[in-house]
Amino acid sequence: MGLLDESGILYVIADVLSIVTIASCLVSKVPQIQTVRQLQSAKGLSVNGLLMELCSYTVTMLYNYTNGYAFLSYLEYPILLVQEYVLIYYVLQYESLLGKRAYQWAALYVAVFVGFATAIIPSSLLMMLVPFTTPVGATSKVMQLIAILRSKDSQSVSLITWGISAFTNSTRIYTIMLDSGDKMLLANFGISTVLSSSVLLAAWYYKKPKKD
C-alpha cells in the first residue's frame, strides 16, 4: 500500500506540473509578441529559428495526438502553436517578408497539418519525422543564440518567454518519464532545456544597459 501511495503522489506531482506547464504556456510567447510590437522591430530574433521551432512544435504535437498520449502531457503544444503563429506573423511583417510567398507556404502548412490530424496522411510518416524534432528544435534555439551573440543586442528578445521555455521543458522531462517514458521525447525536452537556458542567459547578458 505504501508503494501504491508513493506512486500515487508521484502522479499527482506530474499532474500538477502539467497544469503549471500548460498555464505557463498560455502566456509563454505573449511577452515576446508584445516586445516585437512595441519596438516594431525583430532585431536579435532569428526568422529561420522561429520557422524551425514551428516545425518542431507541429510534429511533436501531431505525434502525441496520433499516438493517443494523455492530453495533459502535450496540451501546451496547441497553445504554443497559436502564439507561434502570431509571433511569426509580426516578425515577418517587421522584417518585410510578409508577401505572397509567405501566404503560399502558410497554405501548404495548413494542408499538411490537417492531413496528419485527420489521418489522410499516414501517421507512420510522423514516426519518421519525430527523430528530427530534436535536432530541428535544437538548431532553432542555436540559431537564436547565434543571432543574439552576433548582434550583441537582445532588446527584441523577451527574457520572460525564454525563462518560461526553460522551465516548461524541464517539467516535461518529469511528466513524460511517468506517462509514456518515450525516449525520443525525453531527449527532445532534455536538450531543449539546456539550449533554452543558454538563450535566456545570453539575452540577459546583452540586455544589460550599455555604456555611452
N, C-alpha and C. Protein backbone atom coordinates (compact mmCIF):
# COMPACT_ATOMS: atom_id res chain seq x y z
N MET A 1 0.83 -1.21 0.00
CA MET A 1 0.00 0.00 0.00
C MET A 1 0.86 1.26 0.00
N GLY A 2 2.03 1.14 0.77
CA GLY A 2 2.93 2.28 0.83
C GLY A 2 3.47 2.64 -0.53
N LEU A 3 3.82 1.57 -1.32
CA LEU A 3 4.34 1.80 -2.66
C LEU A 3 3.29 2.43 -3.56
N LEU A 4 2.04 1.95 -3.39
CA LEU A 4 0.96 2.50 -4.19
C LEU A 4 0.74 3.96 -3.84
N ASP A 5 0.82 4.26 -2.54
CA ASP A 5 0.65 5.64 -2.11
C ASP A 5 1.75 6.54 -2.68
N GLU A 6 2.98 6.02 -2.62
CA GLU A 6 4.12 6.79 -3.14
C GLU A 6 3.97 7.01 -4.64
N SER A 7 3.54 5.96 -5.34
CA SER A 7 3.34 6.07 -6.79
C SER A 7 2.25 7.08 -7.10
N GLY A 8 1.19 7.04 -6.27
CA GLY A 8 0.09 7.97 -6.48
C GLY A 8 0.54 9.41 -6.31
N ILE A 9 1.41 9.66 -5.33
CA ILE A 9 1.92 11.01 -5.09
C ILE A 9 2.74 11.49 -6.28
N LEU A 10 3.54 10.58 -6.84
CA LEU A 10 4.37 10.93 -8.00
C LEU A 10 3.51 11.38 -9.17
N TYR A 11 2.38 10.68 -9.36
CA TYR A 11 1.49 11.03 -10.47
C TYR A 11 0.73 12.32 -10.19
N VAL A 12 0.42 12.57 -8.91
CA VAL A 12 -0.23 13.83 -8.55
C VAL A 12 0.71 14.99 -8.85
N ILE A 13 2.00 14.80 -8.49
CA ILE A 13 3.01 15.83 -8.77
C ILE A 13 3.11 16.06 -10.28
N ALA A 14 3.07 14.96 -11.04
CA ALA A 14 3.16 15.07 -12.50
C ALA A 14 1.98 15.86 -13.06
N ASP A 15 0.78 15.59 -12.52
CA ASP A 15 -0.41 16.31 -12.99
C ASP A 15 -0.33 17.80 -12.64
N VAL A 16 0.17 18.08 -11.42
CA VAL A 16 0.31 19.48 -11.00
C VAL A 16 1.31 20.20 -11.92
N LEU A 17 2.43 19.53 -12.20
CA LEU A 17 3.44 20.12 -13.08
C LEU A 17 2.89 20.33 -14.49
N SER A 18 2.05 19.39 -14.94
CA SER A 18 1.44 19.52 -16.26
C SER A 18 0.54 20.75 -16.31
N ILE A 19 -0.25 20.94 -15.25
CA ILE A 19 -1.15 22.09 -15.19
C ILE A 19 -0.36 23.40 -15.14
N VAL A 20 0.72 23.41 -14.32
CA VAL A 20 1.56 24.60 -14.21
C VAL A 20 2.22 24.90 -15.56
N THR A 21 2.68 23.82 -16.23
CA THR A 21 3.32 23.98 -17.54
C THR A 21 2.35 24.56 -18.55
N ILE A 22 1.14 24.01 -18.57
CA ILE A 22 0.12 24.48 -19.51
C ILE A 22 -0.25 25.93 -19.21
N ALA A 23 -0.39 26.24 -17.91
CA ALA A 23 -0.73 27.61 -17.51
C ALA A 23 0.37 28.59 -17.94
N SER A 24 1.62 28.15 -17.78
CA SER A 24 2.75 29.00 -18.18
C SER A 24 2.75 29.23 -19.68
N CYS A 25 2.41 28.16 -20.42
CA CYS A 25 2.43 28.26 -21.88
C CYS A 25 1.30 29.13 -22.42
N LEU A 26 0.28 29.38 -21.60
CA LEU A 26 -0.81 30.25 -22.03
C LEU A 26 -0.29 31.65 -22.36
N VAL A 27 0.79 32.04 -21.68
CA VAL A 27 1.34 33.38 -21.91
C VAL A 27 2.81 33.33 -22.32
N SER A 28 3.32 32.15 -22.60
CA SER A 28 4.74 31.97 -22.89
C SER A 28 5.28 32.93 -23.95
N LYS A 29 4.61 33.01 -25.08
CA LYS A 29 5.10 33.83 -26.19
C LYS A 29 4.54 35.26 -26.17
N VAL A 30 3.59 35.51 -25.28
CA VAL A 30 2.95 36.83 -25.23
C VAL A 30 3.95 37.95 -24.96
N PRO A 31 4.86 37.80 -23.97
CA PRO A 31 5.83 38.87 -23.74
C PRO A 31 6.69 39.14 -24.98
N GLN A 32 7.06 38.06 -25.69
CA GLN A 32 7.87 38.24 -26.89
C GLN A 32 7.10 38.97 -27.99
N ILE A 33 5.83 38.59 -28.14
CA ILE A 33 4.97 39.25 -29.14
C ILE A 33 4.82 40.73 -28.80
N GLN A 34 4.59 41.03 -27.52
CA GLN A 34 4.41 42.42 -27.10
C GLN A 34 5.68 43.24 -27.32
N THR A 35 6.83 42.61 -27.04
CA THR A 35 8.11 43.31 -27.22
C THR A 35 8.34 43.68 -28.68
N VAL A 36 8.08 42.72 -29.57
CA VAL A 36 8.25 42.96 -31.01
C VAL A 36 7.30 44.06 -31.50
N ARG A 37 6.06 44.02 -31.03
CA ARG A 37 5.08 45.01 -31.46
C ARG A 37 5.42 46.40 -30.93
N GLN A 38 5.86 46.47 -29.68
CA GLN A 38 6.18 47.77 -29.08
C GLN A 38 7.38 48.42 -29.77
N LEU A 39 8.40 47.60 -30.04
CA LEU A 39 9.61 48.12 -30.68
C LEU A 39 9.47 48.22 -32.19
N GLN A 40 8.44 47.51 -32.72
CA GLN A 40 8.25 47.43 -34.17
C GLN A 40 9.55 47.00 -34.84
N SER A 41 10.19 46.04 -34.19
CA SER A 41 11.48 45.54 -34.68
C SER A 41 11.65 44.09 -34.24
N ALA A 42 12.32 43.31 -35.08
CA ALA A 42 12.60 41.91 -34.76
C ALA A 42 14.11 41.70 -34.65
N LYS A 43 14.84 42.78 -34.40
CA LYS A 43 16.29 42.69 -34.30
C LYS A 43 16.70 41.75 -33.18
N GLY A 44 17.61 40.84 -33.47
CA GLY A 44 18.06 39.88 -32.47
C GLY A 44 17.27 38.59 -32.51
N LEU A 45 16.19 38.56 -33.30
CA LEU A 45 15.39 37.34 -33.44
C LEU A 45 15.74 36.66 -34.77
N SER A 46 15.77 35.34 -34.74
CA SER A 46 16.10 34.57 -35.95
C SER A 46 14.82 34.07 -36.61
N VAL A 47 14.54 34.55 -37.83
CA VAL A 47 13.35 34.12 -38.56
C VAL A 47 13.42 32.62 -38.84
N ASN A 48 14.58 32.17 -39.32
CA ASN A 48 14.74 30.74 -39.62
C ASN A 48 14.59 29.90 -38.36
N GLY A 49 15.09 30.44 -37.24
CA GLY A 49 14.96 29.73 -35.97
C GLY A 49 13.50 29.57 -35.57
N LEU A 50 12.71 30.62 -35.76
CA LEU A 50 11.28 30.58 -35.42
C LEU A 50 10.54 29.57 -36.30
N LEU A 51 10.88 29.54 -37.59
CA LEU A 51 10.22 28.61 -38.51
C LEU A 51 10.57 27.16 -38.18
N MET A 52 11.82 26.93 -37.80
CA MET A 52 12.23 25.58 -37.41
C MET A 52 11.54 25.17 -36.11
N GLU A 53 11.40 26.13 -35.19
CA GLU A 53 10.70 25.86 -33.94
C GLU A 53 9.24 25.51 -34.21
N LEU A 54 8.64 26.20 -35.17
CA LEU A 54 7.26 25.92 -35.56
C LEU A 54 7.12 24.49 -36.07
N CYS A 55 8.05 24.07 -36.90
CA CYS A 55 8.01 22.70 -37.44
C CYS A 55 8.16 21.67 -36.32
N SER A 56 9.07 21.95 -35.39
CA SER A 56 9.30 21.03 -34.27
C SER A 56 8.06 20.92 -33.39
N TYR A 57 7.43 22.05 -33.06
CA TYR A 57 6.21 22.05 -32.25
C TYR A 57 5.10 21.27 -32.95
N THR A 58 4.96 21.50 -34.25
CA THR A 58 3.88 20.88 -35.01
C THR A 58 4.01 19.37 -35.05
N VAL A 59 5.19 18.89 -35.36
CA VAL A 59 5.42 17.44 -35.45
C VAL A 59 5.24 16.79 -34.08
N THR A 60 5.77 17.42 -33.03
CA THR A 60 5.65 16.85 -31.69
C THR A 60 4.20 16.76 -31.25
N MET A 61 3.41 17.82 -31.51
CA MET A 61 2.00 17.79 -31.13
C MET A 61 1.24 16.72 -31.88
N LEU A 62 1.45 16.64 -33.19
CA LEU A 62 0.75 15.64 -34.00
C LEU A 62 1.17 14.23 -33.63
N TYR A 63 2.42 14.05 -33.27
CA TYR A 63 2.92 12.73 -32.84
C TYR A 63 2.21 12.28 -31.57
N ASN A 64 2.13 13.18 -30.59
CA ASN A 64 1.43 12.87 -29.34
C ASN A 64 -0.05 12.59 -29.60
N TYR A 65 -0.66 13.42 -30.43
CA TYR A 65 -2.09 13.30 -30.73
C TYR A 65 -2.42 11.98 -31.42
N THR A 66 -1.66 11.64 -32.46
CA THR A 66 -1.95 10.42 -33.22
C THR A 66 -1.61 9.16 -32.44
N ASN A 67 -0.75 9.27 -31.42
CA ASN A 67 -0.40 8.11 -30.60
C ASN A 67 -1.32 7.96 -29.39
N GLY A 68 -2.24 8.90 -29.22
CA GLY A 68 -3.21 8.80 -28.13
C GLY A 68 -2.63 9.00 -26.75
N TYR A 69 -1.54 9.76 -26.64
CA TYR A 69 -0.95 10.03 -25.34
C TYR A 69 -1.89 10.92 -24.52
N ALA A 70 -1.70 10.89 -23.19
CA ALA A 70 -2.54 11.70 -22.30
C ALA A 70 -2.52 13.16 -22.74
N PHE A 71 -3.71 13.73 -22.91
CA PHE A 71 -3.83 15.09 -23.45
C PHE A 71 -3.07 16.11 -22.61
N LEU A 72 -3.08 15.93 -21.28
CA LEU A 72 -2.39 16.86 -20.41
C LEU A 72 -0.88 16.87 -20.65
N SER A 73 -0.36 15.77 -21.20
CA SER A 73 1.09 15.68 -21.40
C SER A 73 1.58 16.48 -22.60
N TYR A 74 0.65 16.99 -23.41
CA TYR A 74 1.09 17.79 -24.56
C TYR A 74 0.14 18.95 -24.89
N LEU A 75 -0.77 19.26 -23.96
CA LEU A 75 -1.75 20.32 -24.21
C LEU A 75 -1.10 21.67 -24.49
N GLU A 76 0.13 21.85 -23.97
CA GLU A 76 0.78 23.15 -24.20
C GLU A 76 1.11 23.38 -25.67
N TYR A 77 1.22 22.32 -26.44
CA TYR A 77 1.61 22.49 -27.84
C TYR A 77 0.57 23.23 -28.69
N PRO A 78 -0.72 22.89 -28.59
CA PRO A 78 -1.70 23.69 -29.33
C PRO A 78 -1.66 25.16 -28.90
N ILE A 79 -1.45 25.38 -27.60
CA ILE A 79 -1.39 26.74 -27.08
C ILE A 79 -0.16 27.47 -27.63
N LEU A 80 0.98 26.78 -27.60
CA LEU A 80 2.21 27.38 -28.11
C LEU A 80 2.14 27.66 -29.60
N LEU A 81 1.50 26.75 -30.32
CA LEU A 81 1.40 26.92 -31.77
C LEU A 81 0.64 28.18 -32.15
N VAL A 82 -0.48 28.43 -31.47
CA VAL A 82 -1.26 29.63 -31.77
C VAL A 82 -0.42 30.89 -31.55
N GLN A 83 0.31 30.91 -30.43
CA GLN A 83 1.17 32.05 -30.14
C GLN A 83 2.33 32.16 -31.13
N GLU A 84 2.84 30.99 -31.54
CA GLU A 84 3.95 30.98 -32.51
C GLU A 84 3.51 31.56 -33.85
N TYR A 85 2.27 31.23 -34.24
CA TYR A 85 1.73 31.78 -35.50
C TYR A 85 1.72 33.31 -35.45
N VAL A 86 1.23 33.84 -34.32
CA VAL A 86 1.13 35.30 -34.17
C VAL A 86 2.52 35.94 -34.17
N LEU A 87 3.45 35.32 -33.43
CA LEU A 87 4.81 35.85 -33.34
C LEU A 87 5.49 35.87 -34.71
N ILE A 88 5.37 34.76 -35.44
CA ILE A 88 5.98 34.68 -36.77
C ILE A 88 5.38 35.73 -37.70
N TYR A 89 4.07 35.93 -37.58
CA TYR A 89 3.40 36.93 -38.42
C TYR A 89 4.03 38.32 -38.22
N TYR A 90 4.19 38.72 -36.96
CA TYR A 90 4.73 40.05 -36.69
C TYR A 90 6.21 40.15 -37.05
N VAL A 91 6.96 39.08 -36.81
CA VAL A 91 8.38 39.10 -37.17
C VAL A 91 8.54 39.24 -38.68
N LEU A 92 7.75 38.48 -39.44
CA LEU A 92 7.80 38.58 -40.90
C LEU A 92 7.37 39.97 -41.37
N GLN A 93 6.38 40.52 -40.67
CA GLN A 93 5.89 41.86 -41.04
C GLN A 93 6.98 42.91 -40.86
N TYR A 94 7.65 42.89 -39.70
CA TYR A 94 8.66 43.90 -39.43
C TYR A 94 9.98 43.63 -40.15
N GLU A 95 10.13 42.42 -40.68
CA GLU A 95 11.30 42.11 -41.49
C GLU A 95 10.99 42.26 -42.98
N SER A 96 9.78 42.75 -43.27
CA SER A 96 9.33 42.95 -44.66
C SER A 96 9.36 41.66 -45.47
N LEU A 97 8.95 40.57 -44.84
CA LEU A 97 8.94 39.27 -45.51
C LEU A 97 7.53 38.71 -45.66
N LEU A 98 6.54 39.54 -45.34
CA LEU A 98 5.15 39.08 -45.38
C LEU A 98 4.55 39.37 -46.76
N GLY A 99 4.81 38.45 -47.70
CA GLY A 99 4.31 38.63 -49.06
C GLY A 99 3.57 37.41 -49.55
N LYS A 100 3.38 37.34 -50.85
CA LYS A 100 2.63 36.24 -51.47
C LYS A 100 3.25 34.89 -51.17
N ARG A 101 4.57 34.81 -51.25
CA ARG A 101 5.25 33.54 -50.99
C ARG A 101 4.99 33.05 -49.56
N ALA A 102 4.98 33.98 -48.61
CA ALA A 102 4.74 33.61 -47.22
C ALA A 102 3.35 32.99 -47.05
N TYR A 103 2.36 33.57 -47.71
CA TYR A 103 0.99 33.05 -47.62
C TYR A 103 0.86 31.69 -48.32
N GLN A 104 1.62 31.48 -49.37
CA GLN A 104 1.61 30.20 -50.07
C GLN A 104 2.16 29.09 -49.17
N TRP A 105 3.26 29.40 -48.50
CA TRP A 105 3.84 28.43 -47.57
C TRP A 105 2.89 28.16 -46.40
N ALA A 106 2.20 29.20 -45.96
CA ALA A 106 1.24 29.04 -44.86
C ALA A 106 0.10 28.11 -45.27
N ALA A 107 -0.37 28.24 -46.50
CA ALA A 107 -1.44 27.38 -47.01
C ALA A 107 -0.98 25.93 -47.09
N LEU A 108 0.25 25.72 -47.53
CA LEU A 108 0.80 24.37 -47.61
C LEU A 108 0.92 23.76 -46.21
N TYR A 109 1.35 24.58 -45.26
CA TYR A 109 1.48 24.13 -43.86
C TYR A 109 0.13 23.66 -43.33
N VAL A 110 -0.92 24.46 -43.55
CA VAL A 110 -2.26 24.11 -43.07
C VAL A 110 -2.73 22.80 -43.70
N ALA A 111 -2.48 22.62 -44.98
CA ALA A 111 -2.91 21.40 -45.68
C ALA A 111 -2.23 20.16 -45.10
N VAL A 112 -0.93 20.26 -44.84
CA VAL A 112 -0.19 19.13 -44.28
C VAL A 112 -0.64 18.85 -42.85
N PHE A 113 -0.85 19.91 -42.07
CA PHE A 113 -1.29 19.77 -40.68
C PHE A 113 -2.62 19.03 -40.62
N VAL A 114 -3.58 19.48 -41.40
CA VAL A 114 -4.91 18.85 -41.43
C VAL A 114 -4.80 17.42 -41.93
N GLY A 115 -3.93 17.19 -42.89
CA GLY A 115 -3.75 15.85 -43.43
C GLY A 115 -3.31 14.85 -42.37
N PHE A 116 -2.37 15.24 -41.53
CA PHE A 116 -1.90 14.36 -40.46
C PHE A 116 -2.97 14.21 -39.37
N ALA A 117 -3.60 15.33 -39.00
CA ALA A 117 -4.59 15.30 -37.92
C ALA A 117 -5.80 14.45 -38.25
N THR A 118 -6.15 14.37 -39.53
CA THR A 118 -7.33 13.60 -39.95
C THR A 118 -6.95 12.23 -40.51
N ALA A 119 -5.67 11.89 -40.42
CA ALA A 119 -5.16 10.59 -40.88
C ALA A 119 -5.23 10.42 -42.39
N ILE A 120 -5.43 11.51 -43.13
CA ILE A 120 -5.37 11.44 -44.58
C ILE A 120 -3.94 11.11 -44.99
N ILE A 121 -2.99 11.72 -44.29
CA ILE A 121 -1.58 11.38 -44.47
C ILE A 121 -1.24 10.35 -43.40
N PRO A 122 -0.66 9.21 -43.76
CA PRO A 122 -0.37 8.14 -42.80
C PRO A 122 0.45 8.63 -41.61
N SER A 123 0.01 8.25 -40.41
CA SER A 123 0.72 8.67 -39.20
C SER A 123 2.10 8.03 -39.11
N SER A 124 2.32 6.99 -39.90
CA SER A 124 3.63 6.33 -39.90
C SER A 124 4.73 7.31 -40.34
N LEU A 125 4.34 8.31 -41.14
CA LEU A 125 5.31 9.32 -41.57
C LEU A 125 5.77 10.17 -40.39
N LEU A 126 4.87 10.34 -39.40
CA LEU A 126 5.26 11.11 -38.21
C LEU A 126 6.34 10.38 -37.44
N MET A 127 6.26 9.06 -37.43
CA MET A 127 7.28 8.26 -36.75
C MET A 127 8.65 8.52 -37.37
N MET A 128 8.66 8.79 -38.66
CA MET A 128 9.91 9.07 -39.35
C MET A 128 10.39 10.50 -39.08
N LEU A 129 9.42 11.39 -38.84
CA LEU A 129 9.76 12.80 -38.63
C LEU A 129 10.15 13.13 -37.19
N VAL A 130 9.56 12.41 -36.23
CA VAL A 130 9.80 12.71 -34.82
C VAL A 130 11.28 12.72 -34.44
N PRO A 131 12.09 11.76 -34.90
CA PRO A 131 13.51 11.80 -34.53
C PRO A 131 14.21 13.09 -34.96
N PHE A 132 13.64 13.77 -35.96
CA PHE A 132 14.25 15.01 -36.43
C PHE A 132 13.83 16.23 -35.61
N THR A 133 12.80 16.07 -34.76
CA THR A 133 12.35 17.22 -33.98
C THR A 133 13.41 17.68 -32.98
N THR A 134 14.19 16.72 -32.47
CA THR A 134 15.24 17.09 -31.52
C THR A 134 16.31 17.94 -32.18
N PRO A 135 16.93 17.47 -33.30
CA PRO A 135 17.92 18.33 -33.95
C PRO A 135 17.33 19.62 -34.53
N VAL A 136 16.10 19.54 -35.03
CA VAL A 136 15.47 20.74 -35.60
C VAL A 136 15.18 21.76 -34.49
N GLY A 137 14.57 21.27 -33.39
CA GLY A 137 14.27 22.16 -32.27
C GLY A 137 15.55 22.73 -31.67
N ALA A 138 16.58 21.88 -31.57
CA ALA A 138 17.86 22.33 -31.02
C ALA A 138 18.49 23.36 -31.94
N THR A 139 18.44 23.10 -33.24
CA THR A 139 19.03 24.03 -34.21
C THR A 139 18.33 25.39 -34.16
N SER A 140 17.00 25.37 -33.99
CA SER A 140 16.25 26.63 -33.92
C SER A 140 16.73 27.48 -32.75
N LYS A 141 17.01 26.82 -31.63
CA LYS A 141 17.48 27.55 -30.45
C LYS A 141 18.93 27.99 -30.62
N VAL A 142 19.74 27.14 -31.27
CA VAL A 142 21.13 27.51 -31.53
C VAL A 142 21.17 28.73 -32.45
N MET A 143 20.29 28.75 -33.46
CA MET A 143 20.24 29.89 -34.38
C MET A 143 19.84 31.16 -33.65
N GLN A 144 18.90 31.03 -32.70
CA GLN A 144 18.50 32.20 -31.91
C GLN A 144 19.66 32.67 -31.05
N LEU A 145 20.39 31.71 -30.47
CA LEU A 145 21.54 32.05 -29.64
C LEU A 145 22.61 32.76 -30.46
N ILE A 146 22.87 32.24 -31.67
CA ILE A 146 23.86 32.85 -32.56
C ILE A 146 23.43 34.26 -32.97
N ALA A 147 22.12 34.42 -33.23
CA ALA A 147 21.61 35.74 -33.63
C ALA A 147 21.87 36.78 -32.54
N ILE A 148 21.71 36.38 -31.30
CA ILE A 148 21.95 37.29 -30.17
C ILE A 148 23.44 37.59 -30.04
N LEU A 149 24.26 36.54 -30.13
CA LEU A 149 25.71 36.72 -29.97
C LEU A 149 26.30 37.57 -31.08
N ARG A 150 25.78 37.41 -32.30
CA ARG A 150 26.29 38.18 -33.43
C ARG A 150 25.90 39.66 -33.35
N SER A 151 24.64 39.89 -33.02
CA SER A 151 24.16 41.28 -32.96
C SER A 151 24.54 41.97 -31.66
N LYS A 152 24.85 41.14 -30.64
CA LYS A 152 25.15 41.69 -29.31
C LYS A 152 24.04 42.64 -28.85
N ASP A 153 22.82 42.31 -29.28
CA ASP A 153 21.66 43.15 -28.96
C ASP A 153 20.46 42.23 -28.77
N SER A 154 19.89 42.24 -27.59
CA SER A 154 18.74 41.37 -27.31
C SER A 154 17.51 42.17 -26.89
N GLN A 155 17.45 43.43 -27.33
CA GLN A 155 16.33 44.29 -26.94
C GLN A 155 14.99 43.73 -27.40
N SER A 156 14.97 43.01 -28.52
CA SER A 156 13.72 42.45 -29.04
C SER A 156 13.43 41.06 -28.49
N VAL A 157 14.34 40.55 -27.67
CA VAL A 157 14.20 39.20 -27.12
C VAL A 157 13.61 39.28 -25.71
N SER A 158 12.56 38.52 -25.46
CA SER A 158 11.89 38.54 -24.15
C SER A 158 12.51 37.52 -23.19
N LEU A 159 13.01 38.01 -22.07
CA LEU A 159 13.57 37.13 -21.04
C LEU A 159 12.49 36.24 -20.44
N ILE A 160 11.29 36.79 -20.29
CA ILE A 160 10.19 36.02 -19.71
C ILE A 160 9.85 34.82 -20.59
N THR A 161 9.79 35.05 -21.90
CA THR A 161 9.46 33.97 -22.82
C THR A 161 10.48 32.84 -22.74
N TRP A 162 11.75 33.17 -22.73
CA TRP A 162 12.79 32.13 -22.69
C TRP A 162 12.90 31.50 -21.31
N GLY A 163 12.57 32.26 -20.26
CA GLY A 163 12.55 31.68 -18.92
C GLY A 163 11.46 30.64 -18.80
N ILE A 164 10.28 30.96 -19.34
CA ILE A 164 9.17 30.01 -19.33
C ILE A 164 9.52 28.79 -20.17
N SER A 165 10.19 29.01 -21.30
CA SER A 165 10.58 27.90 -22.16
C SER A 165 11.49 26.92 -21.43
N ALA A 166 12.49 27.44 -20.74
CA ALA A 166 13.41 26.59 -19.99
C ALA A 166 12.68 25.83 -18.88
N PHE A 167 11.78 26.51 -18.19
CA PHE A 167 11.03 25.88 -17.10
C PHE A 167 10.10 24.78 -17.60
N THR A 168 9.31 25.09 -18.62
CA THR A 168 8.33 24.11 -19.11
C THR A 168 9.00 22.90 -19.74
N ASN A 169 10.12 23.10 -20.41
CA ASN A 169 10.84 21.96 -20.99
C ASN A 169 11.35 21.04 -19.89
N SER A 170 11.82 21.63 -18.80
CA SER A 170 12.35 20.81 -17.70
C SER A 170 11.24 20.04 -16.99
N THR A 171 10.06 20.65 -16.83
CA THR A 171 8.96 19.94 -16.16
C THR A 171 8.45 18.78 -17.01
N ARG A 172 8.54 18.92 -18.33
CA ARG A 172 8.07 17.86 -19.22
C ARG A 172 8.94 16.60 -19.13
N ILE A 173 10.18 16.77 -18.75
CA ILE A 173 11.05 15.60 -18.58
C ILE A 173 10.46 14.68 -17.52
N TYR A 174 10.00 15.28 -16.42
CA TYR A 174 9.42 14.51 -15.32
C TYR A 174 8.09 13.89 -15.71
N THR A 175 7.20 14.68 -16.31
CA THR A 175 5.86 14.17 -16.63
C THR A 175 5.90 13.07 -17.69
N ILE A 176 6.79 13.19 -18.66
CA ILE A 176 6.88 12.17 -19.71
C ILE A 176 7.49 10.88 -19.16
N MET A 177 8.42 11.01 -18.23
CA MET A 177 9.01 9.81 -17.60
C MET A 177 7.93 8.98 -16.93
N LEU A 178 6.95 9.64 -16.31
CA LEU A 178 5.88 8.92 -15.63
C LEU A 178 4.79 8.46 -16.58
N ASP A 179 4.52 9.24 -17.61
CA ASP A 179 3.40 8.93 -18.51
C ASP A 179 3.76 7.88 -19.55
N SER A 180 4.69 8.20 -20.44
CA SER A 180 5.00 7.29 -21.55
C SER A 180 6.43 6.80 -21.55
N GLY A 181 7.33 7.55 -20.94
CA GLY A 181 8.73 7.16 -20.95
C GLY A 181 9.34 7.19 -22.34
N ASP A 182 8.70 7.89 -23.26
CA ASP A 182 9.15 7.95 -24.65
C ASP A 182 10.54 8.58 -24.72
N LYS A 183 11.53 7.79 -25.15
CA LYS A 183 12.92 8.24 -25.14
C LYS A 183 13.17 9.40 -26.10
N MET A 184 12.48 9.38 -27.23
CA MET A 184 12.67 10.47 -28.20
C MET A 184 12.18 11.79 -27.62
N LEU A 185 11.03 11.75 -26.93
CA LEU A 185 10.50 12.97 -26.33
C LEU A 185 11.38 13.44 -25.17
N LEU A 186 11.91 12.48 -24.39
CA LEU A 186 12.78 12.84 -23.27
C LEU A 186 14.06 13.51 -23.77
N ALA A 187 14.63 12.97 -24.84
CA ALA A 187 15.85 13.56 -25.41
C ALA A 187 15.55 14.97 -25.92
N ASN A 188 14.40 15.10 -26.55
CA ASN A 188 13.99 16.39 -27.09
C ASN A 188 13.90 17.45 -26.00
N PHE A 189 13.19 17.12 -24.92
CA PHE A 189 13.00 18.09 -23.85
C PHE A 189 14.27 18.34 -23.05
N GLY A 190 15.11 17.31 -22.91
CA GLY A 190 16.38 17.48 -22.20
C GLY A 190 17.29 18.48 -22.90
N ILE A 191 17.45 18.30 -24.21
CA ILE A 191 18.28 19.20 -25.00
C ILE A 191 17.67 20.60 -25.04
N SER A 192 16.34 20.65 -25.17
CA SER A 192 15.65 21.95 -25.24
C SER A 192 15.83 22.74 -23.95
N THR A 193 15.84 22.05 -22.81
CA THR A 193 16.03 22.72 -21.53
C THR A 193 17.38 23.41 -21.47
N VAL A 194 18.42 22.69 -21.89
CA VAL A 194 19.78 23.24 -21.87
C VAL A 194 19.90 24.44 -22.80
N LEU A 195 19.38 24.31 -24.02
CA LEU A 195 19.51 25.38 -25.01
C LEU A 195 18.65 26.60 -24.68
N SER A 196 17.44 26.36 -24.16
CA SER A 196 16.58 27.49 -23.77
C SER A 196 17.24 28.29 -22.65
N SER A 197 17.88 27.57 -21.73
CA SER A 197 18.58 28.24 -20.64
C SER A 197 19.76 29.05 -21.16
N SER A 198 20.43 28.52 -22.19
CA SER A 198 21.56 29.23 -22.79
C SER A 198 21.11 30.52 -23.48
N VAL A 199 19.99 30.45 -24.20
CA VAL A 199 19.45 31.64 -24.86
C VAL A 199 19.04 32.67 -23.82
N LEU A 200 18.43 32.20 -22.74
CA LEU A 200 18.00 33.08 -21.65
C LEU A 200 19.19 33.84 -21.07
N LEU A 201 20.27 33.14 -20.81
CA LEU A 201 21.47 33.77 -20.23
C LEU A 201 22.09 34.78 -21.20
N ALA A 202 22.16 34.39 -22.48
CA ALA A 202 22.73 35.30 -23.49
C ALA A 202 21.87 36.55 -23.63
N ALA A 203 20.55 36.37 -23.66
CA ALA A 203 19.63 37.50 -23.80
C ALA A 203 19.74 38.43 -22.58
N TRP A 204 19.86 37.83 -21.41
CA TRP A 204 20.01 38.63 -20.18
C TRP A 204 21.30 39.44 -20.23
N TYR A 205 22.37 38.80 -20.65
CA TYR A 205 23.68 39.47 -20.68
C TYR A 205 23.68 40.67 -21.62
N TYR A 206 23.15 40.49 -22.81
CA TYR A 206 23.17 41.57 -23.80
C TYR A 206 22.03 42.56 -23.64
N LYS A 207 21.16 42.32 -22.66
CA LYS A 207 20.09 43.29 -22.39
C LYS A 207 20.52 44.28 -21.31
N LYS A 208 21.70 44.05 -20.76
CA LYS A 208 22.20 44.96 -19.73
C LYS A 208 22.44 46.34 -20.33
N PRO A 209 22.21 47.40 -19.55
CA PRO A 209 22.42 48.76 -20.06
C PRO A 209 23.83 48.93 -20.61
N LYS A 210 23.92 49.54 -21.79
CA LYS A 210 25.23 49.75 -22.41
C LYS A 210 25.79 51.12 -22.01
N LYS A 211 27.10 51.17 -21.90
CA LYS A 211 27.75 52.43 -21.57
C LYS A 211 27.83 53.31 -22.81
N ASP A 212 27.62 54.59 -22.63
CA ASP A 212 27.68 55.52 -23.76
C ASP A 212 29.14 55.76 -24.15
